[in-house]
Amino acid sequence: MTHLSSDRPTLSINGSVVSLASTPPTMTLLQFLQQSGRTGTKEGCGDGDCGACTVVLVGQDADGQPQYQAVNSCLIPVGALVGRDVITVEGVANGALHPVQAAMVELGGSQCGYCTPGFIMSMFAAYYDGPMDDVAIEGNLCRCTGYLPIRRAAQQVVEARSPQACDSFAQKLTAATPTLAPVSYEHHEHAFYRPTELRSLLTLLAEYPNATLIAGGTDLGLELSHHRQHYPIMISLEAVQELQGITQTDAAVTIGAAVPLSQVEKTLQGVFPSLDTMLYWFAARQVRNRATVGGNIGTASPIGDLPPVLLSLDATITVTSVRGDRTLPLSEFFTGYRQTQRQPDEVIVSVTIPKSLGTGAVRRLCQSYKIGKRGTDDISIVAAAFCVDLDANDCVVRARLGYGGVAATPARAIAVEQALVGQPWTHDTVRSLKPLLLQAFTPLTDLRGSASYRQRLVANLFEKFFVEMG
């Protein structure tokens, strides 16, 4: 495997090459920016929830073209940024205020100003890619100004923007080459590897079976941000070509484990309605630009948002090692709290979602639901996804009911699924099964909700599904 020199790791910040030679690769970008005097980027929560730390990376869109992407700098280790271009709020004004800055000034979009740099960076990314709407700033919180002047500023930029912004930033984007190179980055007791080929990745895993895998880092970044864990060896998956890409056939869709959710959202729009819905509520744009399909599954969190959807769609997962590949149903992948069937030398390669209906089915109903304290960018209290196949007489041929937040692992309500088969798809049928759903799981009580509340959600969300989908 070809490596970049481990004694000369660099990244570009606002067009200037910056050395990382004296920086541990596990330091977050936010910590590096602040320690190097770039204090315009603020720290609010350190969890990726408030958006105060938003910066912009040059990344790739779903078509492989260069794209400005808003991300949370509090969740990204600098090792993942070797050779990459970063833009912070200090670099946005290029001789004059950028249009998004000017609009915020003119319309009073800042009061105390602490959250303003994050809003500016989210709006900056949206200025060059996609609509300047609430989705663009959904991951940014403001506690004193109020959102109305900020939304007015965004709208003013939309009205004044040319169809294709053509300034120095747009020109830089056109010339950008966001393809990532392999990296071997060592600093004292830390090592960070970024292979670009699956063969090289598997060799590293065989050599370092206790290494920590990282893709987008939106879950692992929480540990780095708060210094809760020590990670001597980290192996990045985001540049491995064999883990990228989405392929579709008439029978199924296969999603590479390292594909960011923002690309899944765009590429598969309309293919699986329940997936569309969950991705909308999954998290803010900053998180979706980094979080990956494989990462959301591999963390084995009982409150991960994708597993309930994938369980309801009968997804399978493929893992590989130097010993070979193996594919298994996702329903068999989770073995306990934060535990899976993946072995230390294995890596998740892809997830495959079949499109076929159950035998004898002529119609499929699918939808997902997420209940949380906050609309987007929040942890689920309960997540649920349902998929019911019906025959010509509207009787249930196959049913899959996936849940998160109600057990030690994402799980299906198998007893209810079996009870549904052969039954007429009516409100009476659904109501008759609610007592069984109430007893399907034994959730815990925590700060987000009581066990009894979660049990009621398990039953009521399925009834909601019937009422909405009919």
Protein backbone atom coordinates (compact mmCIF):
# COMPACT_ATOMS: atom_id res chain seq x y z
CA MET A 1 0.00 0.00 0.00
CA THR A 2 1.32 3.44 -0.91
CA HIS A 3 1.31 5.86 2.01
CA LEU A 4 1.65 9.60 2.30
CA SER A 5 4.72 10.44 4.34
CA SER A 6 3.86 10.03 8.01
CA ASP A 7 6.16 12.87 9.04
CA ARG A 8 4.58 15.47 6.75
CA PRO A 9 0.78 15.23 7.15
CA THR A 10 -0.94 18.43 6.03
CA LEU A 11 -4.34 19.85 5.24
CA SER A 12 -5.50 23.04 3.60
CA ILE A 13 -7.37 25.63 5.67
CA ASN A 14 -8.77 28.58 3.74
CA GLY A 15 -6.29 27.98 0.95
CA SER A 16 -3.19 27.72 3.15
CA VAL A 17 -1.36 24.44 3.70
CA VAL A 18 -1.12 23.66 7.40
CA SER A 19 1.19 21.07 8.96
CA LEU A 20 -0.19 18.42 11.29
CA ALA A 21 3.22 16.94 12.13
CA SER A 22 2.99 17.89 15.82
CA THR A 23 -0.71 17.05 16.15
CA PRO A 24 -2.13 13.70 17.26
CA PRO A 25 -4.44 12.33 14.55
CA THR A 26 -7.23 11.78 17.08
CA MET A 27 -7.52 15.48 17.94
CA THR A 28 -10.77 16.86 16.59
CA LEU A 29 -10.69 19.52 13.90
CA LEU A 30 -12.48 21.92 16.23
CA GLN A 31 -9.82 21.50 18.91
CA PHE A 32 -7.08 21.97 16.31
CA LEU A 33 -8.69 25.14 14.95
CA GLN A 34 -9.02 26.69 18.39
CA GLN A 35 -5.54 25.73 19.52
CA SER A 36 -4.06 27.18 16.33
CA GLY A 37 -5.78 30.54 16.90
CA ARG A 38 -8.65 30.07 14.43
CA THR A 39 -11.29 30.88 17.00
CA GLY A 40 -14.07 31.99 14.67
CA THR A 41 -15.37 28.42 14.71
CA LYS A 42 -17.22 28.03 18.01
CA GLU A 43 -17.92 25.14 20.34
CA GLY A 44 -21.46 24.77 21.61
CA CYS A 45 -22.26 21.20 22.58
CA GLY A 46 -19.33 19.15 21.33
CA ASP A 47 -21.87 16.53 20.22
CA GLY A 48 -22.74 17.64 16.69
CA ASP A 49 -26.17 18.86 17.79
CA CYS A 50 -25.93 22.66 17.76
CA GLY A 51 -23.98 23.50 14.59
CA ALA A 52 -21.86 26.22 16.18
CA CYS A 53 -18.71 24.40 15.03
CA THR A 54 -19.79 24.03 11.38
CA VAL A 55 -17.07 24.26 8.76
CA VAL A 56 -17.06 23.30 5.09
CA LEU A 57 -15.10 20.51 3.40
CA VAL A 58 -14.55 19.95 -0.29
CA GLY A 59 -16.11 16.54 -0.82
CA GLN A 60 -17.95 14.59 -3.51
CA ASP A 61 -21.61 14.55 -4.39
CA ALA A 62 -23.58 11.48 -5.42
CA ASP A 63 -22.18 11.79 -8.96
CA GLY A 64 -18.57 12.03 -7.80
CA GLN A 65 -18.31 15.75 -8.54
CA PRO A 66 -16.63 18.23 -6.16
CA GLN A 67 -19.05 19.70 -3.66
CA TYR A 68 -18.90 22.01 -0.64
CA GLN A 69 -20.21 20.08 2.36
CA ALA A 70 -21.11 21.53 5.75
CA VAL A 71 -19.84 19.32 8.59
CA ASN A 72 -19.46 19.44 12.37
CA SER A 73 -15.79 20.05 13.15
CA CYS A 74 -16.25 18.78 16.71
CA LEU A 75 -16.72 15.21 15.42
CA ILE A 76 -13.92 14.87 12.86
CA PRO A 77 -10.40 13.76 13.83
CA VAL A 78 -7.69 15.66 11.97
CA GLY A 79 -6.29 12.35 10.75
CA ALA A 80 -9.33 12.06 8.49
CA LEU A 81 -8.53 15.44 6.94
CA VAL A 82 -5.00 14.86 5.68
CA GLY A 83 -4.80 16.21 2.14
CA ARG A 84 -8.27 17.74 2.30
CA ASP A 85 -9.52 21.31 1.84
CA VAL A 86 -11.29 22.99 4.77
CA ILE A 87 -13.00 26.37 4.75
CA THR A 88 -13.78 28.12 8.03
CA VAL A 89 -15.67 31.31 8.72
CA GLU A 90 -12.40 33.29 8.59
CA GLY A 91 -11.98 32.34 4.94
CA VAL A 92 -15.44 33.19 3.61
CA ALA A 93 -14.95 36.95 3.11
CA ASN A 94 -12.67 37.26 0.09
CA GLY A 95 -11.93 40.97 -0.04
CA ALA A 96 -15.59 41.73 0.74
CA LEU A 97 -18.40 40.12 2.68
CA HIS A 98 -19.72 36.98 1.09
CA PRO A 99 -23.39 37.33 0.03
CA VAL A 100 -24.54 35.13 2.92
CA GLN A 101 -22.63 37.32 5.38
CA ALA A 102 -23.96 40.51 3.86
CA ALA A 103 -27.55 39.25 4.08
CA MET A 104 -27.15 38.29 7.74
CA VAL A 105 -25.75 41.75 8.53
CA GLU A 106 -28.43 43.62 6.61
CA LEU A 107 -31.36 41.70 8.07
CA GLY A 108 -30.13 41.45 11.64
CA GLY A 109 -29.49 37.72 11.63
CA SER A 110 -27.09 37.91 14.56
CA GLN A 111 -27.56 39.03 18.16
CA CYS A 112 -24.97 37.61 20.56
CA GLY A 113 -23.20 36.19 17.50
CA TYR A 114 -22.02 32.93 19.02
CA CYS A 115 -24.01 30.72 16.66
CA THR A 116 -23.52 32.99 13.65
CA PRO A 117 -20.31 31.45 12.25
CA GLY A 118 -22.03 28.07 12.07
CA PHE A 119 -25.05 29.50 10.29
CA ILE A 120 -22.76 31.31 7.86
CA MET A 121 -20.93 28.12 6.98
CA SER A 122 -24.12 26.09 6.47
CA MET A 123 -25.52 28.83 4.26
CA PHE A 124 -22.20 29.11 2.43
CA ALA A 125 -22.30 25.42 1.48
CA ALA A 126 -25.93 25.70 0.39
CA TYR A 127 -25.11 28.79 -1.70
CA TYR A 128 -23.08 26.59 -4.06
CA ASP A 129 -25.09 23.41 -3.86
CA GLY A 130 -28.80 22.99 -3.57
CA PRO A 131 -31.67 24.96 -2.12
CA MET A 132 -31.12 27.60 0.53
CA ASP A 133 -33.97 26.43 2.75
CA ASP A 134 -34.63 25.31 6.31
CA VAL A 135 -32.97 21.97 5.58
CA ALA A 136 -29.70 23.79 4.88
CA ILE A 137 -29.65 25.23 8.41
CA GLU A 138 -31.59 22.56 10.31
CA GLY A 139 -28.45 21.55 12.19
CA ASN A 140 -27.80 25.06 13.52
CA LEU A 141 -29.38 26.28 16.74
CA CYS A 142 -29.91 29.92 17.73
CA ARG A 143 -30.93 30.80 21.27
CA CYS A 144 -31.27 34.58 21.18
CA THR A 145 -31.74 36.09 17.72
CA GLY A 146 -34.69 34.00 16.64
CA TYR A 147 -34.93 32.23 13.33
CA LEU A 148 -37.08 34.68 11.39
CA PRO A 149 -34.30 37.15 10.45
CA ILE A 150 -31.97 34.25 9.66
CA ARG A 151 -34.58 32.70 7.37
CA ARG A 152 -35.14 36.11 5.77
CA ALA A 153 -31.41 36.38 5.13
CA ALA A 154 -31.39 32.98 3.46
CA GLN A 155 -34.36 33.96 1.31
CA GLN A 156 -32.68 37.21 0.26
CA VAL A 157 -29.62 35.27 -0.85
CA VAL A 158 -31.83 32.91 -2.88
CA GLU A 159 -33.53 35.82 -4.64
CA ALA A 160 -30.25 37.58 -5.42
CA ARG A 161 -28.20 34.53 -6.37
CA SER A 162 -27.51 33.86 -10.01
CA PRO A 163 -28.53 30.43 -11.31
CA GLN A 164 -24.91 29.32 -11.06
CA ALA A 165 -22.79 31.24 -8.59
CA CYS A 166 -19.51 32.10 -10.31
CA ASP A 167 -17.07 33.63 -7.86
CA SER A 168 -13.63 32.53 -6.69
CA PHE A 169 -15.13 29.81 -4.51
CA ALA A 170 -17.11 28.39 -7.41
CA GLN A 171 -13.99 28.46 -9.57
CA LYS A 172 -12.01 26.71 -6.84
CA LEU A 173 -14.69 24.04 -6.62
CA THR A 174 -14.53 23.44 -10.36
CA ALA A 175 -10.79 22.84 -10.13
CA ALA A 176 -10.96 20.69 -6.99
CA THR A 177 -9.98 17.02 -6.95
CA PRO A 178 -11.71 15.54 -3.90
CA THR A 179 -10.41 12.01 -4.42
CA LEU A 180 -8.69 10.93 -1.21
CA ALA A 181 -5.17 9.52 -1.18
CA PRO A 182 -3.91 6.77 1.15
CA VAL A 183 -2.51 7.96 4.46
CA SER A 184 -0.29 6.56 7.18
CA TYR A 185 -0.20 9.14 9.95
CA GLU A 186 1.72 8.38 13.12
CA HIS A 187 2.23 10.59 16.16
CA HIS A 188 3.81 9.17 19.31
CA GLU A 189 1.34 6.55 20.62
CA HIS A 190 -1.28 7.23 17.91
CA ALA A 191 -1.54 5.90 14.36
CA PHE A 192 -4.15 6.73 11.72
CA TYR A 193 -4.42 4.78 8.47
CA ARG A 194 -6.58 5.64 5.45
CA PRO A 195 -6.35 2.91 2.83
CA THR A 196 -7.99 3.35 -0.56
CA GLU A 197 -8.27 -0.32 -1.56
CA LEU A 198 -10.15 -3.14 0.15
CA ARG A 199 -7.11 -5.41 -0.11
CA SER A 200 -5.00 -2.91 1.81
CA LEU A 201 -7.75 -2.42 4.38
CA LEU A 202 -8.02 -6.15 5.04
CA THR A 203 -4.25 -6.43 5.39
CA LEU A 204 -4.31 -3.69 8.00
CA LEU A 205 -7.19 -5.35 9.85
CA ALA A 206 -5.35 -8.65 9.90
CA GLU A 207 -2.28 -6.88 11.29
CA TYR A 208 -4.22 -4.72 13.77
CA PRO A 209 -7.37 -6.67 14.76
CA ASN A 210 -7.91 -4.36 17.75
CA ALA A 211 -7.84 -1.19 15.64
CA THR A 212 -10.80 1.15 15.78
CA LEU A 213 -12.65 1.54 12.48
CA ILE A 214 -13.93 4.99 11.55
CA ALA A 215 -15.92 6.17 8.55
CA GLY A 216 -17.85 9.42 8.99
CA GLY A 217 -17.06 9.55 12.69
CA THR A 218 -20.40 11.00 13.77
CA ASP A 219 -20.74 8.42 16.54
CA LEU A 220 -17.10 7.79 17.38
CA GLY A 221 -16.48 11.55 17.23
CA LEU A 222 -18.48 11.98 20.43
CA GLU A 223 -15.85 9.97 22.31
CA LEU A 224 -13.03 11.97 20.72
CA SER A 225 -14.72 15.29 21.41
CA HIS A 226 -15.12 14.58 25.11
CA HIS A 227 -11.85 12.63 25.55
CA ARG A 228 -13.71 9.63 26.91
CA GLN A 229 -11.70 6.98 25.10
CA HIS A 230 -8.14 6.42 23.93
CA TYR A 231 -7.71 5.10 20.39
CA PRO A 232 -4.10 4.06 19.69
CA ILE A 233 -4.81 2.81 16.15
CA MET A 234 -7.58 4.06 13.89
CA ILE A 235 -8.34 2.83 10.38
CA SER A 236 -10.49 5.01 8.16
CA LEU A 237 -12.91 3.40 5.70
CA GLU A 238 -14.14 6.46 3.84
CA ALA A 239 -11.64 6.29 0.96
CA VAL A 240 -11.92 2.54 0.22
CA GLN A 241 -13.33 2.39 -3.29
CA GLU A 242 -14.96 -1.03 -2.88
CA LEU A 243 -17.08 0.36 -0.02
CA GLN A 244 -18.43 3.18 -2.18
CA GLY A 245 -21.22 3.29 -4.69
CA ILE A 246 -24.87 2.35 -4.97
CA THR A 247 -26.03 -0.21 -7.52
CA GLN A 248 -29.62 -0.88 -8.53
CA THR A 249 -31.21 -3.78 -10.37
CA ASP A 250 -34.82 -4.81 -10.84
CA ALA A 251 -34.42 -7.16 -7.88
CA ALA A 252 -32.43 -5.20 -5.30
CA VAL A 253 -30.38 -2.19 -4.28
CA THR A 254 -26.87 -2.57 -2.86
CA ILE A 255 -25.38 0.30 -0.86
CA GLY A 256 -21.66 0.47 -0.11
CA ALA A 257 -20.88 0.62 3.59
CA ALA A 258 -18.92 3.88 3.29
CA VAL A 259 -21.55 5.77 1.28
CA PRO A 260 -22.60 8.94 3.17
CA LEU A 261 -26.28 9.22 3.98
CA SER A 262 -26.61 12.47 2.01
CA GLN A 263 -25.72 10.50 -1.12
CA VAL A 264 -28.16 7.70 -0.25
CA GLU A 265 -30.83 10.33 0.28
CA LYS A 266 -30.32 11.80 -3.18
CA THR A 267 -29.64 8.64 -5.20
CA LEU A 268 -32.44 6.48 -3.80
CA GLN A 269 -35.13 9.13 -3.48
CA GLY A 270 -38.48 7.46 -4.18
CA VAL A 271 -37.18 3.88 -4.26
CA PHE A 272 -37.98 3.00 -0.63
CA PRO A 273 -40.45 5.49 0.90
CA SER A 274 -39.75 4.38 4.47
CA LEU A 275 -36.03 4.98 3.93
CA ASP A 276 -36.75 8.44 2.51
CA THR A 277 -38.76 9.35 5.58
CA MET A 278 -36.19 8.12 8.08
CA LEU A 279 -33.33 9.86 6.31
CA TYR A 280 -35.26 13.12 6.43
CA TRP A 281 -35.54 12.83 10.23
CA PHE A 282 -32.22 11.06 10.71
CA ALA A 283 -30.11 14.09 11.58
CA ALA A 284 -29.06 17.45 10.24
CA ARG A 285 -27.28 17.99 6.94
CA GLN A 286 -23.89 18.26 8.68
CA VAL A 287 -24.29 14.76 10.08
CA ARG A 288 -25.76 13.22 6.92
CA ASN A 289 -22.78 14.54 4.95
CA ARG A 290 -20.49 12.36 7.09
CA ALA A 291 -22.52 9.50 8.56
CA THR A 292 -22.44 6.26 6.57
CA VAL A 293 -24.74 3.28 6.15
CA GLY A 294 -22.14 0.84 7.43
CA GLY A 295 -21.32 3.04 10.39
CA ASN A 296 -24.92 3.34 11.52
CA ILE A 297 -25.25 -0.44 11.42
CA GLY A 298 -21.78 -1.27 12.70
CA THR A 299 -22.10 0.76 15.90
CA ALA A 300 -24.99 -1.59 16.81
CA SER A 301 -26.72 1.13 18.76
CA PRO A 302 -30.20 0.08 19.91
CA ILE A 303 -31.40 3.55 18.91
CA GLY A 304 -29.78 3.70 15.49
CA ASP A 305 -32.26 5.08 12.99
CA LEU A 306 -31.48 2.97 9.92
CA PRO A 307 -31.68 -0.58 11.33
CA PRO A 308 -35.47 -0.55 11.93
CA VAL A 309 -36.02 0.48 8.31
CA LEU A 310 -33.56 -2.08 6.97
CA LEU A 311 -35.06 -4.79 9.17
CA SER A 312 -38.52 -4.02 7.82
CA LEU A 313 -37.18 -4.29 4.26
CA ASP A 314 -35.48 -7.69 4.85
CA ALA A 315 -32.02 -6.28 4.19
CA THR A 316 -28.92 -8.45 4.16
CA ILE A 317 -25.40 -7.42 5.12
CA THR A 318 -22.12 -8.52 3.60
CA VAL A 319 -18.89 -8.58 5.60
CA THR A 320 -15.44 -9.61 4.46
CA SER A 321 -11.94 -10.39 5.72
CA VAL A 322 -8.81 -12.01 4.33
CA ARG A 323 -10.69 -15.28 4.95
CA GLY A 324 -13.44 -14.36 2.48
CA ASP A 325 -16.94 -12.90 2.29
CA ARG A 326 -20.11 -13.87 4.11
CA THR A 327 -23.64 -12.53 3.80
CA LEU A 328 -26.30 -12.79 6.48
CA PRO A 329 -29.72 -11.31 7.19
CA LEU A 330 -29.53 -8.08 9.11
CA SER A 331 -32.00 -9.61 11.58
CA GLU A 332 -29.23 -12.03 12.62
CA PHE A 333 -26.40 -9.48 12.68
CA PHE A 334 -27.06 -7.91 16.10
CA THR A 335 -26.20 -10.22 18.99
CA GLY A 336 -26.40 -7.92 22.03
CA TYR A 337 -25.97 -4.36 23.23
CA ARG A 338 -23.37 -2.82 20.88
CA GLN A 339 -22.42 -6.31 19.74
CA THR A 340 -22.64 -7.92 16.31
CA GLN A 341 -21.51 -10.98 14.38
CA ARG A 342 -18.67 -9.01 12.78
CA GLN A 343 -15.32 -10.48 13.74
CA PRO A 344 -12.33 -8.24 14.61
CA ASP A 345 -10.68 -8.81 11.22
CA GLU A 346 -13.89 -8.23 9.24
CA VAL A 347 -15.36 -5.10 7.74
CA ILE A 348 -18.88 -4.36 6.54
CA VAL A 349 -18.80 -4.12 2.76
CA SER A 350 -22.39 -3.41 1.79
CA VAL A 351 -26.08 -3.66 2.58
CA THR A 352 -28.52 -5.13 0.08
CA ILE A 353 -32.23 -4.32 0.10
CA PRO A 354 -34.53 -6.54 -1.99
CA LYS A 355 -37.34 -4.97 -4.00
CA SER A 356 -39.47 -8.07 -4.46
CA LEU A 357 -42.90 -8.51 -2.89
CA GLY A 358 -43.93 -11.55 -0.88
CA THR A 359 -45.21 -14.55 -2.85
CA GLY A 360 -48.75 -13.80 -3.97
CA ALA A 361 -48.56 -10.14 -3.04
CA VAL A 362 -49.74 -7.41 -5.37
CA ARG A 363 -49.28 -4.34 -3.15
CA ARG A 364 -46.72 -3.21 -0.59
CA LEU A 365 -47.21 -0.64 2.17
CA CYS A 366 -44.09 0.76 3.85
CA GLN A 367 -43.43 3.67 6.18
CA SER A 368 -41.17 4.66 9.07
CA TYR A 369 -41.55 6.83 12.14
CA LYS A 370 -39.15 8.50 14.55
CA ILE A 371 -40.24 9.86 17.90
CA GLY A 372 -37.78 12.24 19.57
CA LYS A 373 -37.61 15.40 21.60
CA ARG A 374 -36.59 17.39 18.53
CA GLY A 375 -37.72 17.08 14.95
CA THR A 376 -34.38 16.45 13.28
CA ASP A 377 -30.91 15.91 14.69
CA ASP A 378 -32.00 14.12 17.84
CA ILE A 379 -31.74 10.65 19.32
CA SER A 380 -34.81 8.48 18.97
CA ILE A 381 -37.06 7.65 21.88
CA VAL A 382 -38.57 5.01 19.61
CA ALA A 383 -37.97 4.45 15.91
CA ALA A 384 -40.25 2.14 13.96
CA ALA A 385 -40.54 0.94 10.38
CA PHE A 386 -43.24 -1.25 8.89
CA CYS A 387 -43.58 -3.13 5.63
CA VAL A 388 -46.75 -5.08 4.83
CA ASP A 389 -47.37 -6.99 1.59
CA LEU A 390 -51.00 -7.58 0.58
CA ASP A 391 -52.63 -9.93 -1.90
CA ALA A 392 -55.47 -9.09 -4.30
CA ASN A 393 -58.01 -9.51 -1.48
CA ASP A 394 -56.11 -7.18 0.86
CA CYS A 395 -55.00 -10.01 3.09
CA VAL A 396 -51.51 -9.91 4.58
CA VAL A 397 -48.98 -12.07 2.75
CA ARG A 398 -45.89 -10.90 4.62
CA ALA A 399 -45.24 -8.39 7.39
CA ARG A 400 -42.07 -6.91 8.85
CA LEU A 401 -42.19 -4.66 11.92
CA GLY A 402 -38.81 -3.19 12.86
CA TYR A 403 -38.18 -1.18 16.03
CA GLY A 404 -35.37 0.71 17.70
CA GLY A 405 -35.14 2.06 21.24
CA VAL A 406 -37.15 -0.75 22.83
CA ALA A 407 -34.54 -3.48 23.38
CA ALA A 408 -30.80 -4.02 23.68
CA THR A 409 -30.64 -4.28 19.89
CA PRO A 410 -32.75 -3.14 16.95
CA ALA A 411 -35.40 -5.84 16.69
CA ARG A 412 -38.46 -7.12 14.86
CA ALA A 413 -41.82 -7.92 16.46
CA ILE A 414 -41.75 -11.43 15.02
CA ALA A 415 -44.75 -12.81 16.91
CA VAL A 416 -46.93 -10.00 15.59
CA GLU A 417 -45.56 -10.46 12.08
CA GLN A 418 -46.56 -14.11 12.16
CA ALA A 419 -49.98 -13.32 13.59
CA LEU A 420 -50.65 -10.86 10.76
CA VAL A 421 -50.06 -13.34 7.93
CA GLY A 422 -53.34 -14.46 6.39
CA GLN A 423 -55.36 -11.80 8.20
CA PRO A 424 -57.44 -9.15 6.43
CA TRP A 425 -55.70 -5.77 6.43
CA THR A 426 -58.33 -3.95 8.49
CA HIS A 427 -58.44 -1.68 11.48
CA ASP A 428 -60.03 -4.46 13.50
CA THR A 429 -57.07 -6.73 12.76
CA VAL A 430 -54.58 -4.07 13.81
CA ARG A 431 -56.50 -3.24 17.00
CA SER A 432 -56.72 -6.92 17.92
CA LEU A 433 -52.92 -7.20 17.80
CA LYS A 434 -52.17 -4.12 19.90
CA PRO A 435 -52.12 -6.13 23.19
CA LEU A 436 -49.51 -8.40 21.63
CA LEU A 437 -47.47 -5.39 20.53
CA LEU A 438 -47.64 -3.92 24.04
CA GLN A 439 -45.93 -7.08 25.31
CA ALA A 440 -43.49 -7.50 22.41
CA PHE A 441 -40.55 -5.77 24.10
CA THR A 442 -39.31 -4.83 27.56
CA PRO A 443 -37.78 -1.38 27.07
CA LEU A 444 -35.93 0.60 29.71
CA THR A 445 -36.87 3.87 31.37
CA ASP A 446 -34.42 6.72 30.86
CA LEU A 447 -34.36 10.51 30.60
CA ARG A 448 -36.05 10.44 27.21
CA GLY A 449 -39.04 8.31 28.09
CA SER A 450 -40.45 5.71 30.41
CA ALA A 451 -40.73 2.02 29.59
CA SER A 452 -44.53 2.21 29.54
CA TYR A 453 -44.43 5.19 27.17
CA ARG A 454 -42.19 3.26 24.80
CA GLN A 455 -44.46 0.22 24.96
CA ARG A 456 -47.46 2.36 24.04
CA LEU A 457 -45.50 3.86 21.15
CA VAL A 458 -44.71 0.37 19.85
CA ALA A 459 -48.43 -0.37 19.55
CA ASN A 460 -49.72 3.06 18.63
CA LEU A 461 -47.21 3.67 15.85
CA PHE A 462 -48.36 0.52 14.08
CA GLU A 463 -51.96 1.68 14.32
CA LYS A 464 -50.86 5.07 13.01
CA PHE A 465 -49.24 3.25 10.10
CA PHE A 466 -52.56 1.57 9.24
CA VAL A 467 -54.53 4.81 9.49
CA GLU A 468 -52.10 6.70 7.28
CA MET A 469 -51.38 4.01 4.71
CA GLY A 470 -54.77 2.27 4.68
